[in-house]
Amino acid sequence: MRPRSSANDDLGQEVTAFVVADKVTAAELVDFVARTLSAHKRPRQIRFLDTLPRNAMGKVQKHLLAG
């Protein structure tokens, strides 16, 4: 899971988790983060992807996730 911030009209930004996984559901992730993270650190959105966008060096292209 890779958290990122996305736009929010009231708060400015909110945490979004981008997940590349086959055998986990959004409900399982919500339950896990509820037990392990403070409320203000929990993702407000969970997005499942087949792969994370990477550049030639293998680094995640975060700007592509924000859009």
C-alpha atoms as a PDB file:
ATOM      1  CA  MET A   1       0.000   0.000   0.000  1.00  0.00           C
ATOM      2  CA  ARG A   2       1.356   3.382  -0.951  1.00  0.00           C
ATOM      3  CA  PRO A   3      -0.347   6.399   0.613  1.00  0.00           C
ATOM      4  CA  ARG A   4      -0.623   9.620  -1.367  1.00  0.00           C
ATOM      5  CA  SER A   5      -2.470  12.870  -0.845  1.00  0.00           C
ATOM      6  CA  SER A   6      -5.318  14.021  -3.028  1.00  0.00           C
ATOM      7  CA  ALA A   7      -7.254  17.278  -3.138  1.00  0.00           C
ATOM      8  CA  ASN A   8      -9.919  18.022  -0.543  1.00  0.00           C
ATOM      9  CA  ASP A   9     -11.923  21.256  -0.561  1.00  0.00           C
ATOM     10  CA  ASP A  10     -12.093  21.564   3.241  1.00  0.00           C
ATOM     11  CA  LEU A  11      -8.748  20.144   4.373  1.00  0.00           C
ATOM     12  CA  GLY A  12      -6.510  20.849   1.392  1.00  0.00           C
ATOM     13  CA  GLN A  13      -5.290  17.261   1.009  1.00  0.00           C
ATOM     14  CA  GLU A  14      -6.308  13.799   2.158  1.00  0.00           C
ATOM     15  CA  VAL A  15      -4.506  10.456   2.177  1.00  0.00           C
ATOM     16  CA  THR A  16      -5.168   8.000  -0.649  1.00  0.00           C
ATOM     17  CA  ALA A  17      -3.785   4.454  -0.627  1.00  0.00           C
ATOM     18  CA  PHE A  18      -2.787   2.924  -3.972  1.00  0.00           C
ATOM     19  CA  VAL A  19      -2.773  -0.855  -3.579  1.00  0.00           C
ATOM     20  CA  VAL A  20      -1.276  -3.521  -5.826  1.00  0.00           C
ATOM     21  CA  ALA A  21      -2.543  -6.811  -4.383  1.00  0.00           C
ATOM     22  CA  ASP A  22      -4.564  -9.810  -5.512  1.00  0.00           C
ATOM     23  CA  LYS A  23      -5.827 -11.308  -2.295  1.00  0.00           C
ATOM     24  CA  VAL A  24      -6.943  -8.376  -0.167  1.00  0.00           C
ATOM     25  CA  THR A  25     -10.216  -6.470  -0.115  1.00  0.00           C
ATOM     26  CA  ALA A  26     -10.900  -2.849   0.685  1.00  0.00           C
ATOM     27  CA  ALA A  27     -12.773  -3.955   3.828  1.00  0.00           C
ATOM     28  CA  GLU A  28      -9.726  -5.905   5.035  1.00  0.00           C
ATOM     29  CA  LEU A  29      -7.479  -2.895   4.463  1.00  0.00           C
ATOM     30  CA  VAL A  30      -9.871  -0.568   6.285  1.00  0.00           C
ATOM     31  CA  ASP A  31      -9.957  -2.982   9.240  1.00  0.00           C
ATOM     32  CA  PHE A  32      -6.149  -3.278   9.262  1.00  0.00           C
ATOM     33  CA  VAL A  33      -5.484   0.461   9.205  1.00  0.00           C
ATOM     34  CA  ALA A  34      -8.168   1.064  11.835  1.00  0.00           C
ATOM     35  CA  ARG A  35      -6.174  -1.187  14.180  1.00  0.00           C
ATOM     36  CA  THR A  36      -2.725   0.135  13.297  1.00  0.00           C
ATOM     37  CA  LEU A  37      -2.950   3.844  12.393  1.00  0.00           C
ATOM     38  CA  SER A  38      -4.207   6.975  14.096  1.00  0.00           C
ATOM     39  CA  ALA A  39      -7.438   8.340  12.646  1.00  0.00           C
ATOM     40  CA  HIS A  40      -5.725  11.307  10.942  1.00  0.00           C
ATOM     41  CA  LYS A  41      -3.257   8.962   9.186  1.00  0.00           C
ATOM     42  CA  ARG A  42      -5.851   6.571   7.747  1.00  0.00           C
ATOM     43  CA  PRO A  43      -6.450   6.738   3.996  1.00  0.00           C
ATOM     44  CA  ARG A  44      -9.765   8.317   2.994  1.00  0.00           C
ATOM     45  CA  GLN A  45      -9.646   6.552  -0.372  1.00  0.00           C
ATOM     46  CA  ILE A  46      -8.313   3.171  -1.450  1.00  0.00           C
ATOM     47  CA  ARG A  47      -7.547   2.577  -5.121  1.00  0.00           C
ATOM     48  CA  PHE A  48      -6.561  -0.815  -6.499  1.00  0.00           C
ATOM     49  CA  LEU A  49      -4.107  -0.888  -9.401  1.00  0.00           C
ATOM     50  CA  ASP A  50      -2.584  -3.655 -11.504  1.00  0.00           C
ATOM     51  CA  THR A  51       0.840  -1.984 -11.265  1.00  0.00           C
ATOM     52  CA  LEU A  52       2.322   1.257 -10.015  1.00  0.00           C
ATOM     53  CA  PRO A  53       3.594   3.608 -12.737  1.00  0.00           C
ATOM     54  CA  ARG A  54       7.395   3.529 -12.747  1.00  0.00           C
ATOM     55  CA  ASN A  55      10.102   5.336 -14.680  1.00  0.00           C
ATOM     56  CA  ALA A  56      13.127   3.744 -16.356  1.00  0.00           C
ATOM     57  CA  MET A  57      15.005   3.705 -13.025  1.00  0.00           C
ATOM     58  CA  GLY A  58      12.164   1.835 -11.316  1.00  0.00           C
ATOM     59  CA  LYS A  59      10.989   4.765  -9.186  1.00  0.00           C
ATOM     60  CA  VAL A  60       7.246   5.256  -8.681  1.00  0.00           C
ATOM     61  CA  GLN A  61       5.948   8.201 -10.706  1.00  0.00           C
ATOM     62  CA  LYS A  62       3.863   9.818  -7.976  1.00  0.00           C
ATOM     63  CA  HIS A  63       2.697  12.673 -10.176  1.00  0.00           C
ATOM     64  CA  LEU A  64       0.821  10.154 -12.346  1.00  0.00           C
ATOM     65  CA  LEU A  65      -1.039   8.823  -9.310  1.00  0.00           C
ATOM     66  CA  ALA A  66      -2.206  12.248  -8.188  1.00  0.00           C
ATOM     67  CA  GLY A  67      -4.270  12.876 -11.328  1.00  0.00           C
END
